[in-house]
Amino acid sequence: MSNIVKDLSSIELETLNNIRSSKSDNTIRAYKSDFNHFVDFCKKNNFKPLPADPKIVSFYITQLSSNSKVSTLKRRLASISVIHKLKGHYIDIKHPLIIENLMGIQRKKGVFQKSKNPILINELKEIISTIDKSEKNEKKKARDKALILIGFSGGFRRSELVNIDFEDLEFTREGVKIFIKRSKTDQSGEGMIKAIPYFKEKNFCPVVFLKNWIQISNLNSGIIFNISDKMVAILIKKYLSAAGFDPKKYSGHSLRSGFATVAAGSGADEKSIMTMTGHKTTQMVRRYIKESNLFKNNALSKINL
């Protein structure tokens, strides 16, 4: 009997380890950060955070709703649920006390999100021109132009961009194929390939500048850009500011959203955009398409004034 109990304990431990392994380290850190915020709320009010009562979670999102977006509330709920699972507990975040409260908050606040601006063709060209003019270090100049152009043309997440390895590249007559080993929506690590063709305009061709960066830096192995994902956002804001744009209106995500918006505005369909970006659902892609069509399909274009 004791052996059975011991086996069950080891199975439980292995199961929890498998659950932990299903998420990336960065994702787990984000979940823990969110959950710690919930723990602080519980400590201040003498509530038990683990396992938590749905009523207490409902109180928490009510308190949080005064200065947080609905998307933040949903993310915190997801984090509370995941941490409970990781700790071997269960909580029903679909409990009526939670869901009905969240629906009421949504009705009062609305769910429209004002996102950061995408980097469109005009901004992209200005950034590359600014790098040429402002960056004196030739090595940094080559790296940053390759980084920005590859990030845009591949619709990369920052985490994907900074983890591109030399071994992930395959140059062909048509352009370059980049293998993404793992991404936010591919936690199982199946991987995907992004194909970036040569551009007609060589001054803004990501493949040309990637080759140039590899040659200048004498790369033959390892990570291509060797910077953090936070540094990508810092560089984007730095060059946008130098080019005369308001950096507060942009983020590290602006390269990715810029690609999707420009592609949609140029007539690319949902499937081809999702093939490049790796989106698993059409919700966000349709948002980019809708934004790209705001002026193209505007009813006012039919009014002759």
C-alpha atoms as a PDB file:
ATOM      1  CA  MET A   1       0.000   0.000   0.000  1.00  0.00           C
ATOM      2  CA  SER A   2       2.838   2.385   0.908  1.00  0.00           C
ATOM      3  CA  ASN A   3       4.451   1.747  -2.505  1.00  0.00           C
ATOM      4  CA  ILE A   4       1.189   2.702  -4.221  1.00  0.00           C
ATOM      5  CA  VAL A   5       1.005   5.935  -2.222  1.00  0.00           C
ATOM      6  CA  LYS A   6       4.656   6.637  -3.035  1.00  0.00           C
ATOM      7  CA  ASP A   7       4.046   6.004  -6.752  1.00  0.00           C
ATOM      8  CA  LEU A   8       1.018   8.306  -6.726  1.00  0.00           C
ATOM      9  CA  SER A   9       3.065  11.026  -5.053  1.00  0.00           C
ATOM     10  CA  SER A  10       5.786  10.761  -7.689  1.00  0.00           C
ATOM     11  CA  ILE A  11       3.157  10.764 -10.449  1.00  0.00           C
ATOM     12  CA  GLU A  12       1.575  13.891  -8.949  1.00  0.00           C
ATOM     13  CA  LEU A  13       4.985  15.581  -8.777  1.00  0.00           C
ATOM     14  CA  GLU A  14       5.786  14.631 -12.370  1.00  0.00           C
ATOM     15  CA  THR A  15       2.365  15.855 -13.496  1.00  0.00           C
ATOM     16  CA  LEU A  16       2.946  19.253 -11.889  1.00  0.00           C
ATOM     17  CA  ASN A  17       6.393  19.428 -13.491  1.00  0.00           C
ATOM     18  CA  ASN A  18       4.804  18.689 -16.881  1.00  0.00           C
ATOM     19  CA  ILE A  19       2.323  21.516 -16.326  1.00  0.00           C
ATOM     20  CA  ARG A  20       5.209  23.862 -15.518  1.00  0.00           C
ATOM     21  CA  SER A  21       7.081  22.735 -18.625  1.00  0.00           C
ATOM     22  CA  SER A  22       4.063  23.505 -20.813  1.00  0.00           C
ATOM     23  CA  LYS A  23       4.779  27.230 -20.392  1.00  0.00           C
ATOM     24  CA  SER A  24       7.937  29.192 -21.147  1.00  0.00           C
ATOM     25  CA  ASP A  25       9.984  30.643 -18.284  1.00  0.00           C
ATOM     26  CA  ASN A  26       8.983  34.179 -19.296  1.00  0.00           C
ATOM     27  CA  THR A  27       5.303  33.219 -19.276  1.00  0.00           C
ATOM     28  CA  ILE A  28       5.586  31.595 -15.841  1.00  0.00           C
ATOM     29  CA  ARG A  29       7.342  34.708 -14.501  1.00  0.00           C
ATOM     30  CA  ALA A  30       4.501  36.875 -15.829  1.00  0.00           C
ATOM     31  CA  TYR A  31       1.905  34.610 -14.200  1.00  0.00           C
ATOM     32  CA  LYS A  32       3.763  34.752 -10.881  1.00  0.00           C
ATOM     33  CA  SER A  33       4.038  38.536 -11.043  1.00  0.00           C
ATOM     34  CA  ASP A  34       0.280  38.829 -11.579  1.00  0.00           C
ATOM     35  CA  PHE A  35      -0.458  36.331  -8.825  1.00  0.00           C
ATOM     36  CA  ASN A  36       1.774  38.201  -6.360  1.00  0.00           C
ATOM     37  CA  HIS A  37      -0.419  41.252  -6.926  1.00  0.00           C
ATOM     38  CA  PHE A  38      -3.429  39.136  -5.937  1.00  0.00           C
ATOM     39  CA  VAL A  39      -1.538  37.824  -2.881  1.00  0.00           C
ATOM     40  CA  ASP A  40      -0.833  41.403  -1.749  1.00  0.00           C
ATOM     41  CA  PHE A  41      -4.552  42.177  -2.006  1.00  0.00           C
ATOM     42  CA  CYS A  42      -5.380  39.109   0.068  1.00  0.00           C
ATOM     43  CA  LYS A  43      -2.791  39.923   2.750  1.00  0.00           C
ATOM     44  CA  LYS A  44      -4.106  43.464   3.161  1.00  0.00           C
ATOM     45  CA  ASN A  45      -7.642  42.134   3.631  1.00  0.00           C
ATOM     46  CA  ASN A  46      -6.871  38.940   5.588  1.00  0.00           C
ATOM     47  CA  PHE A  47      -8.064  36.672   2.772  1.00  0.00           C
ATOM     48  CA  LYS A  48      -6.629  33.298   1.843  1.00  0.00           C
ATOM     49  CA  PRO A  49      -4.947  33.498  -1.598  1.00  0.00           C
ATOM     50  CA  LEU A  50      -4.388  29.770  -2.151  1.00  0.00           C
ATOM     51  CA  PRO A  51      -6.720  28.078  -2.734  1.00  0.00           C
ATOM     52  CA  ALA A  52      -8.799  31.191  -3.262  1.00  0.00           C
ATOM     53  CA  ASP A  53     -12.534  31.506  -2.866  1.00  0.00           C
ATOM     54  CA  PRO A  54     -14.275  32.700  -6.090  1.00  0.00           C
ATOM     55  CA  LYS A  55     -15.970  35.404  -4.011  1.00  0.00           C
ATOM     56  CA  ILE A  56     -12.564  36.798  -2.981  1.00  0.00           C
ATOM     57  CA  VAL A  57     -11.354  36.736  -6.597  1.00  0.00           C
ATOM     58  CA  SER A  58     -14.499  38.636  -7.567  1.00  0.00           C
ATOM     59  CA  PHE A  59     -13.755  41.225  -4.856  1.00  0.00           C
ATOM     60  CA  TYR A  60     -10.214  41.498  -6.235  1.00  0.00           C
ATOM     61  CA  ILE A  61     -11.250  42.293  -9.815  1.00  0.00           C
ATOM     62  CA  THR A  62     -13.767  44.841  -8.514  1.00  0.00           C
ATOM     63  CA  GLN A  63     -10.995  46.605  -6.611  1.00  0.00           C
ATOM     64  CA  LEU A  64      -8.672  46.309  -9.621  1.00  0.00           C
ATOM     65  CA  SER A  65     -11.261  47.646 -12.084  1.00  0.00           C
ATOM     66  CA  SER A  66     -11.045  51.226 -10.784  1.00  0.00           C
ATOM     67  CA  ASN A  67      -7.730  51.853 -12.566  1.00  0.00           C
ATOM     68  CA  SER A  68      -7.170  48.862 -14.854  1.00  0.00           C
ATOM     69  CA  LYS A  69      -8.263  47.857 -18.342  1.00  0.00           C
ATOM     70  CA  VAL A  70     -10.630  44.932 -18.824  1.00  0.00           C
ATOM     71  CA  SER A  71      -7.821  43.114 -20.648  1.00  0.00           C
ATOM     72  CA  THR A  72      -5.695  43.435 -17.501  1.00  0.00           C
ATOM     73  CA  LEU A  73      -8.482  41.925 -15.380  1.00  0.00           C
ATOM     74  CA  LYS A  74      -8.746  38.950 -17.752  1.00  0.00           C
ATOM     75  CA  ARG A  75      -4.995  38.452 -17.718  1.00  0.00           C
ATOM     76  CA  ARG A  76      -4.911  38.515 -13.899  1.00  0.00           C
ATOM     77  CA  LEU A  77      -7.729  35.956 -13.763  1.00  0.00           C
ATOM     78  CA  ALA A  78      -5.812  33.684 -16.128  1.00  0.00           C
ATOM     79  CA  SER A  79      -2.705  34.030 -13.959  1.00  0.00           C
ATOM     80  CA  ILE A  80      -4.622  33.174 -10.787  1.00  0.00           C
ATOM     81  CA  SER A  81      -5.997  30.057 -12.494  1.00  0.00           C
ATOM     82  CA  VAL A  82      -2.586  28.899 -13.791  1.00  0.00           C
ATOM     83  CA  ILE A  83      -0.792  29.380 -10.466  1.00  0.00           C
ATOM     84  CA  HIS A  84      -3.527  27.391  -8.723  1.00  0.00           C
ATOM     85  CA  LYS A  85      -2.920  24.546 -11.182  1.00  0.00           C
ATOM     86  CA  LEU A  86       0.834  24.724 -10.714  1.00  0.00           C
ATOM     87  CA  LYS A  87       0.363  24.487  -6.956  1.00  0.00           C
ATOM     88  CA  GLY A  88      -2.023  21.534  -7.266  1.00  0.00           C
ATOM     89  CA  HIS A  89      -5.226  23.461  -6.526  1.00  0.00           C
ATOM     90  CA  TYR A  90      -8.361  24.161  -8.545  1.00  0.00           C
ATOM     91  CA  ILE A  91     -10.295  27.383  -8.877  1.00  0.00           C
ATOM     92  CA  ASP A  92     -13.315  27.960 -11.080  1.00  0.00           C
ATOM     93  CA  ILE A  93     -12.640  31.309 -12.769  1.00  0.00           C
ATOM     94  CA  LYS A  94     -15.865  30.749 -14.736  1.00  0.00           C
ATOM     95  CA  HIS A  95     -17.809  30.882 -11.467  1.00  0.00           C
ATOM     96  CA  PRO A  96     -20.921  33.125 -11.790  1.00  0.00           C
ATOM     97  CA  LEU A  97     -19.631  35.458  -9.060  1.00  0.00           C
ATOM     98  CA  ILE A  98     -16.560  36.147 -11.192  1.00  0.00           C
ATOM     99  CA  ILE A  99     -18.040  36.084 -14.696  1.00  0.00           C
ATOM    100  CA  GLU A 100     -21.134  38.163 -13.911  1.00  0.00           C
ATOM    101  CA  ASN A 101     -18.978  40.712 -12.113  1.00  0.00           C
ATOM    102  CA  LEU A 102     -16.571  40.888 -15.063  1.00  0.00           C
ATOM    103  CA  MET A 103     -19.457  41.327 -17.516  1.00  0.00           C
ATOM    104  CA  GLY A 104     -20.815  44.178 -15.407  1.00  0.00           C
ATOM    105  CA  ILE A 105     -17.400  45.848 -15.344  1.00  0.00           C
ATOM    106  CA  GLN A 106     -17.126  45.470 -19.133  1.00  0.00           C
ATOM    107  CA  ARG A 107     -20.516  47.127 -19.640  1.00  0.00           C
ATOM    108  CA  LYS A 108     -19.483  50.082 -17.495  1.00  0.00           C
ATOM    109  CA  LYS A 109     -15.954  50.498 -18.824  1.00  0.00           C
ATOM    110  CA  GLY A 110     -16.275  49.189 -22.379  1.00  0.00           C
ATOM    111  CA  VAL A 111     -13.709  46.841 -23.857  1.00  0.00           C
ATOM    112  CA  PHE A 112     -12.196  48.963 -26.642  1.00  0.00           C
ATOM    113  CA  GLN A 113      -8.419  49.077 -26.345  1.00  0.00           C
ATOM    114  CA  LYS A 114      -6.367  51.975 -27.704  1.00  0.00           C
ATOM    115  CA  SER A 115      -3.284  50.148 -28.862  1.00  0.00           C
ATOM    116  CA  LYS A 116       0.137  51.555 -29.697  1.00  0.00           C
ATOM    117  CA  ASN A 117       0.685  52.798 -33.235  1.00  0.00           C
ATOM    118  CA  PRO A 118       1.962  50.365 -35.857  1.00  0.00           C
ATOM    119  CA  ILE A 119       5.172  51.232 -37.687  1.00  0.00           C
ATOM    120  CA  LEU A 120       4.037  51.761 -41.262  1.00  0.00           C
ATOM    121  CA  ILE A 121       6.144  52.181 -44.412  1.00  0.00           C
ATOM    122  CA  ASN A 122       6.741  55.894 -43.859  1.00  0.00           C
ATOM    123  CA  GLU A 123       7.952  55.367 -40.276  1.00  0.00           C
ATOM    124  CA  LEU A 124      10.039  52.361 -41.343  1.00  0.00           C
ATOM    125  CA  LYS A 125      11.882  54.342 -44.015  1.00  0.00           C
ATOM    126  CA  GLU A 126      12.423  57.244 -41.629  1.00  0.00           C
ATOM    127  CA  ILE A 127      13.881  54.889 -39.015  1.00  0.00           C
ATOM    128  CA  ILE A 128      16.357  53.380 -41.492  1.00  0.00           C
ATOM    129  CA  SER A 129      17.318  56.845 -42.733  1.00  0.00           C
ATOM    130  CA  THR A 130      17.789  58.027 -39.128  1.00  0.00           C
ATOM    131  CA  ILE A 131      20.015  55.052 -38.286  1.00  0.00           C
ATOM    132  CA  ASP A 132      22.185  55.957 -41.283  1.00  0.00           C
ATOM    133  CA  LYS A 133      22.477  59.575 -40.173  1.00  0.00           C
ATOM    134  CA  SER A 134      22.718  59.253 -36.389  1.00  0.00           C
ATOM    135  CA  GLU A 135      24.606  56.038 -35.677  1.00  0.00           C
ATOM    136  CA  LYS A 136      28.365  56.524 -36.006  1.00  0.00           C
ATOM    137  CA  ASN A 137      29.363  52.981 -35.077  1.00  0.00           C
ATOM    138  CA  GLU A 138      29.276  51.018 -38.328  1.00  0.00           C
ATOM    139  CA  LYS A 139      28.730  47.696 -36.586  1.00  0.00           C
ATOM    140  CA  LYS A 140      25.746  48.970 -34.592  1.00  0.00           C
ATOM    141  CA  LYS A 141      24.405  50.662 -37.702  1.00  0.00           C
ATOM    142  CA  ALA A 142      24.479  47.366 -39.623  1.00  0.00           C
ATOM    143  CA  ARG A 143      22.927  45.436 -36.734  1.00  0.00           C
ATOM    144  CA  ASP A 144      20.118  47.896 -36.057  1.00  0.00           C
ATOM    145  CA  LYS A 145      19.087  48.217 -39.712  1.00  0.00           C
ATOM    146  CA  ALA A 146      19.001  44.429 -40.084  1.00  0.00           C
ATOM    147  CA  LEU A 147      17.127  44.094 -36.775  1.00  0.00           C
ATOM    148  CA  ILE A 148      14.427  46.641 -37.651  1.00  0.00           C
ATOM    149  CA  LEU A 149      13.892  45.429 -41.230  1.00  0.00           C
ATOM    150  CA  ILE A 150      13.822  41.720 -40.324  1.00  0.00           C
ATOM    151  CA  GLY A 151      11.538  42.441 -37.358  1.00  0.00           C
ATOM    152  CA  PHE A 152       9.093  44.302 -39.590  1.00  0.00           C
ATOM    153  CA  SER A 153       9.157  42.078 -42.664  1.00  0.00           C
ATOM    154  CA  GLY A 154       8.758  38.866 -40.665  1.00  0.00           C
ATOM    155  CA  GLY A 155       6.058  40.183 -38.354  1.00  0.00           C
ATOM    156  CA  PHE A 156       8.216  38.972 -35.485  1.00  0.00           C
ATOM    157  CA  ARG A 157       7.465  39.078 -31.801  1.00  0.00           C
ATOM    158  CA  ARG A 158      10.421  40.588 -29.948  1.00  0.00           C
ATOM    159  CA  SER A 159      11.088  37.304 -28.159  1.00  0.00           C
ATOM    160  CA  GLU A 160      11.286  35.496 -31.504  1.00  0.00           C
ATOM    161  CA  LEU A 161      13.496  38.165 -33.064  1.00  0.00           C
ATOM    162  CA  VAL A 162      16.167  38.134 -30.338  1.00  0.00           C
ATOM    163  CA  ASN A 163      16.323  34.328 -30.314  1.00  0.00           C
ATOM    164  CA  ILE A 164      17.108  33.834 -34.015  1.00  0.00           C
ATOM    165  CA  ASP A 165      20.182  31.626 -34.229  1.00  0.00           C
ATOM    166  CA  PHE A 166      22.647  31.438 -37.112  1.00  0.00           C
ATOM    167  CA  GLU A 167      21.634  27.798 -37.572  1.00  0.00           C
ATOM    168  CA  ASP A 168      18.007  28.935 -38.043  1.00  0.00           C
ATOM    169  CA  LEU A 169      18.856  30.764 -41.286  1.00  0.00           C
ATOM    170  CA  GLU A 170      18.773  29.380 -44.801  1.00  0.00           C
ATOM    171  CA  PHE A 171      19.553  31.789 -47.627  1.00  0.00           C
ATOM    172  CA  THR A 172      18.082  30.902 -51.024  1.00  0.00           C
ATOM    173  CA  ARG A 173      17.851  32.531 -54.447  1.00  0.00           C
ATOM    174  CA  GLU A 174      14.476  33.983 -53.434  1.00  0.00           C
ATOM    175  CA  GLY A 175      15.476  35.343 -50.023  1.00  0.00           C
ATOM    176  CA  VAL A 176      15.932  33.859 -46.554  1.00  0.00           C
ATOM    177  CA  LYS A 177      14.049  31.230 -44.602  1.00  0.00           C
ATOM    178  CA  ILE A 178      14.086  31.680 -40.832  1.00  0.00           C
ATOM    179  CA  PHE A 179      13.145  28.800 -38.557  1.00  0.00           C
ATOM    180  CA  ILE A 180      11.363  29.827 -35.347  1.00  0.00           C
ATOM    181  CA  LYS A 181      11.904  27.069 -32.816  1.00  0.00           C
ATOM    182  CA  ARG A 182       9.348  28.296 -30.307  1.00  0.00           C
ATOM    183  CA  SER A 183       7.022  31.258 -29.842  1.00  0.00           C
ATOM    184  CA  LYS A 184       4.284  32.569 -27.556  1.00  0.00           C
ATOM    185  CA  THR A 185       1.549  30.611 -29.351  1.00  0.00           C
ATOM    186  CA  ASP A 186       3.734  27.552 -29.936  1.00  0.00           C
ATOM    187  CA  GLN A 187       4.576  26.435 -26.418  1.00  0.00           C
ATOM    188  CA  SER A 188       4.920  22.809 -27.567  1.00  0.00           C
ATOM    189  CA  GLY A 189       7.875  23.783 -29.745  1.00  0.00           C
ATOM    190  CA  GLU A 190       6.624  22.532 -33.110  1.00  0.00           C
ATOM    191  CA  GLY A 191       8.299  25.487 -34.774  1.00  0.00           C
ATOM    192  CA  MET A 192       7.531  27.411 -37.962  1.00  0.00           C
ATOM    193  CA  ILE A 193       9.392  28.845 -40.935  1.00  0.00           C
ATOM    194  CA  LYS A 194       9.145  32.471 -42.038  1.00  0.00           C
ATOM    195  CA  ALA A 195      10.178  33.179 -45.618  1.00  0.00           C
ATOM    196  CA  ILE A 196      11.370  36.714 -46.370  1.00  0.00           C
ATOM    197  CA  PRO A 197      11.992  37.507 -50.051  1.00  0.00           C
ATOM    198  CA  TYR A 198      14.393  40.044 -51.525  1.00  0.00           C
ATOM    199  CA  PHE A 199      12.799  43.499 -51.865  1.00  0.00           C
ATOM    200  CA  LYS A 200      12.965  45.392 -55.145  1.00  0.00           C
ATOM    201  CA  GLU A 201      14.161  48.461 -53.259  1.00  0.00           C
ATOM    202  CA  LYS A 202      17.611  47.361 -52.028  1.00  0.00           C
ATOM    203  CA  ASN A 203      17.935  50.319 -49.628  1.00  0.00           C
ATOM    204  CA  PHE A 204      15.206  48.752 -47.476  1.00  0.00           C
ATOM    205  CA  CYS A 205      15.711  45.055 -48.217  1.00  0.00           C
ATOM    206  CA  PRO A 206      15.803  42.969 -45.024  1.00  0.00           C
ATOM    207  CA  VAL A 207      17.657  40.092 -46.687  1.00  0.00           C
ATOM    208  CA  VAL A 208      20.407  42.373 -48.001  1.00  0.00           C
ATOM    209  CA  PHE A 209      20.890  44.029 -44.619  1.00  0.00           C
ATOM    210  CA  LEU A 210      20.804  40.709 -42.763  1.00  0.00           C
ATOM    211  CA  LYS A 211      23.573  39.374 -45.012  1.00  0.00           C
ATOM    212  CA  ASN A 212      25.510  42.608 -44.480  1.00  0.00           C
ATOM    213  CA  TRP A 213      25.215  42.325 -40.690  1.00  0.00           C
ATOM    214  CA  ILE A 214      26.387  38.698 -40.728  1.00  0.00           C
ATOM    215  CA  GLN A 215      29.385  39.631 -42.878  1.00  0.00           C
ATOM    216  CA  ILE A 216      30.403  42.689 -40.832  1.00  0.00           C
ATOM    217  CA  SER A 217      30.065  40.866 -37.504  1.00  0.00           C
ATOM    218  CA  ASN A 218      31.804  37.706 -38.784  1.00  0.00           C
ATOM    219  CA  LEU A 219      28.954  35.558 -37.537  1.00  0.00           C
ATOM    220  CA  ASN A 220      29.080  31.835 -38.190  1.00  0.00           C
ATOM    221  CA  SER A 221      27.253  30.519 -35.129  1.00  0.00           C
ATOM    222  CA  GLY A 222      25.126  31.584 -32.164  1.00  0.00           C
ATOM    223  CA  ILE A 223      22.428  34.212 -31.696  1.00  0.00           C
ATOM    224  CA  ILE A 224      22.231  36.660 -34.605  1.00  0.00           C
ATOM    225  CA  PHE A 225      21.475  39.935 -32.821  1.00  0.00           C
ATOM    226  CA  ASN A 226      22.531  39.153 -29.231  1.00  0.00           C
ATOM    227  CA  ILE A 227      20.362  41.763 -27.508  1.00  0.00           C
ATOM    228  CA  SER A 228      17.396  41.533 -25.121  1.00  0.00           C
ATOM    229  CA  ASP A 229      13.765  41.892 -26.152  1.00  0.00           C
ATOM    230  CA  LYS A 230      13.575  45.039 -23.990  1.00  0.00           C
ATOM    231  CA  MET A 231      16.470  46.515 -25.957  1.00  0.00           C
ATOM    232  CA  VAL A 232      14.478  46.072 -29.179  1.00  0.00           C
ATOM    233  CA  ALA A 233      11.770  48.360 -27.799  1.00  0.00           C
ATOM    234  CA  ILE A 234      14.376  50.864 -26.578  1.00  0.00           C
ATOM    235  CA  LEU A 235      16.017  51.023 -30.018  1.00  0.00           C
ATOM    236  CA  ILE A 236      12.677  51.442 -31.795  1.00  0.00           C
ATOM    237  CA  LYS A 237      11.712  54.348 -29.529  1.00  0.00           C
ATOM    238  CA  LYS A 238      15.188  55.889 -29.799  1.00  0.00           C
ATOM    239  CA  TYR A 239      15.167  56.017 -33.598  1.00  0.00           C
ATOM    240  CA  LEU A 240      11.509  57.075 -33.838  1.00  0.00           C
ATOM    241  CA  SER A 241      12.238  59.972 -31.495  1.00  0.00           C
ATOM    242  CA  ALA A 242      15.296  60.979 -33.524  1.00  0.00           C
ATOM    243  CA  ALA A 243      13.145  60.833 -36.673  1.00  0.00           C
ATOM    244  CA  GLY A 244      10.618  63.259 -35.170  1.00  0.00           C
ATOM    245  CA  PHE A 245       7.889  60.818 -34.088  1.00  0.00           C
ATOM    246  CA  ASP A 246       6.411  60.636 -30.595  1.00  0.00           C
ATOM    247  CA  PRO A 247       8.014  57.479 -29.104  1.00  0.00           C
ATOM    248  CA  LYS A 248       5.257  57.188 -26.471  1.00  0.00           C
ATOM    249  CA  LYS A 249       2.822  56.219 -29.224  1.00  0.00           C
ATOM    250  CA  TYR A 250       4.874  53.178 -30.209  1.00  0.00           C
ATOM    251  CA  SER A 251       6.142  50.005 -28.563  1.00  0.00           C
ATOM    252  CA  GLY A 252       8.272  46.971 -29.292  1.00  0.00           C
ATOM    253  CA  HIS A 253       5.127  45.412 -30.777  1.00  0.00           C
ATOM    254  CA  SER A 254       4.868  48.189 -33.389  1.00  0.00           C
ATOM    255  CA  LEU A 255       7.060  46.353 -35.911  1.00  0.00           C
ATOM    256  CA  ARG A 256       4.809  43.284 -35.807  1.00  0.00           C
ATOM    257  CA  SER A 257       1.553  45.237 -35.928  1.00  0.00           C
ATOM    258  CA  GLY A 258       3.042  47.432 -38.649  1.00  0.00           C
ATOM    259  CA  PHE A 259       3.745  44.434 -40.872  1.00  0.00           C
ATOM    260  CA  ALA A 260       0.208  43.065 -40.419  1.00  0.00           C
ATOM    261  CA  THR A 261      -1.413  46.463 -41.034  1.00  0.00           C
ATOM    262  CA  VAL A 262       0.675  47.225 -44.129  1.00  0.00           C
ATOM    263  CA  ALA A 263       0.168  43.707 -45.509  1.00  0.00           C
ATOM    264  CA  ALA A 264      -3.591  43.953 -44.983  1.00  0.00           C
ATOM    265  CA  GLY A 265      -3.701  47.383 -46.619  1.00  0.00           C
ATOM    266  CA  SER A 266      -1.784  45.994 -49.602  1.00  0.00           C
ATOM    267  CA  GLY A 267      -4.404  43.297 -50.145  1.00  0.00           C
ATOM    268  CA  ALA A 268      -2.882  40.305 -48.326  1.00  0.00           C
ATOM    269  CA  ASP A 269      -5.536  37.938 -47.008  1.00  0.00           C
ATOM    270  CA  GLU A 270      -5.938  36.690 -43.434  1.00  0.00           C
ATOM    271  CA  LYS A 271      -4.309  33.328 -44.110  1.00  0.00           C
ATOM    272  CA  SER A 272      -1.122  34.712 -45.640  1.00  0.00           C
ATOM    273  CA  ILE A 273      -0.748  37.272 -42.826  1.00  0.00           C
ATOM    274  CA  MET A 274      -1.264  34.571 -40.185  1.00  0.00           C
ATOM    275  CA  THR A 275       1.252  32.304 -41.948  1.00  0.00           C
ATOM    276  CA  MET A 276       3.898  34.976 -41.429  1.00  0.00           C
ATOM    277  CA  THR A 277       2.943  36.258 -37.973  1.00  0.00           C
ATOM    278  CA  GLY A 278       2.040  32.905 -36.457  1.00  0.00           C
ATOM    279  CA  HIS A 279      -1.327  34.114 -35.112  1.00  0.00           C
ATOM    280  CA  LYS A 280      -3.517  31.130 -34.208  1.00  0.00           C
ATOM    281  CA  THR A 281      -6.852  32.973 -34.400  1.00  0.00           C
ATOM    282  CA  THR A 282      -8.210  35.598 -36.785  1.00  0.00           C
ATOM    283  CA  GLN A 283      -9.340  38.034 -34.074  1.00  0.00           C
ATOM    284  CA  MET A 284      -6.211  40.210 -33.961  1.00  0.00           C
ATOM    285  CA  VAL A 285      -5.488  39.895 -37.682  1.00  0.00           C
ATOM    286  CA  ARG A 286      -8.999  41.117 -38.496  1.00  0.00           C
ATOM    287  CA  ARG A 287      -8.373  44.068 -36.230  1.00  0.00           C
ATOM    288  CA  TYR A 288      -5.304  44.981 -38.318  1.00  0.00           C
ATOM    289  CA  ILE A 289      -7.320  44.569 -41.528  1.00  0.00           C
ATOM    290  CA  LYS A 290     -10.104  46.747 -40.157  1.00  0.00           C
ATOM    291  CA  GLU A 291      -7.607  49.457 -39.188  1.00  0.00           C
ATOM    292  CA  SER A 292      -5.939  49.379 -42.603  1.00  0.00           C
ATOM    293  CA  ASN A 293      -9.332  49.896 -44.257  1.00  0.00           C
ATOM    294  CA  LEU A 294     -10.453  52.882 -42.154  1.00  0.00           C
ATOM    295  CA  PHE A 295      -9.735  55.346 -44.962  1.00  0.00           C
ATOM    296  CA  LYS A 296      -9.775  52.953 -47.927  1.00  0.00           C
ATOM    297  CA  ASN A 297     -13.434  51.955 -47.422  1.00  0.00           C
ATOM    298  CA  ASN A 298     -14.527  55.213 -45.798  1.00  0.00           C
ATOM    299  CA  ALA A 299     -18.083  56.328 -46.668  1.00  0.00           C
ATOM    300  CA  LEU A 300     -16.863  59.928 -46.837  1.00  0.00           C
ATOM    301  CA  SER A 301     -14.779  59.055 -49.923  1.00  0.00           C
ATOM    302  CA  LYS A 302     -18.080  58.921 -51.837  1.00  0.00           C
ATOM    303  CA  ILE A 303     -18.914  62.511 -50.916  1.00  0.00           C
ATOM    304  CA  ASN A 304     -17.630  65.042 -53.418  1.00  0.00           C
ATOM    305  CA  LEU A 305     -16.588  68.134 -51.479  1.00  0.00           C
END
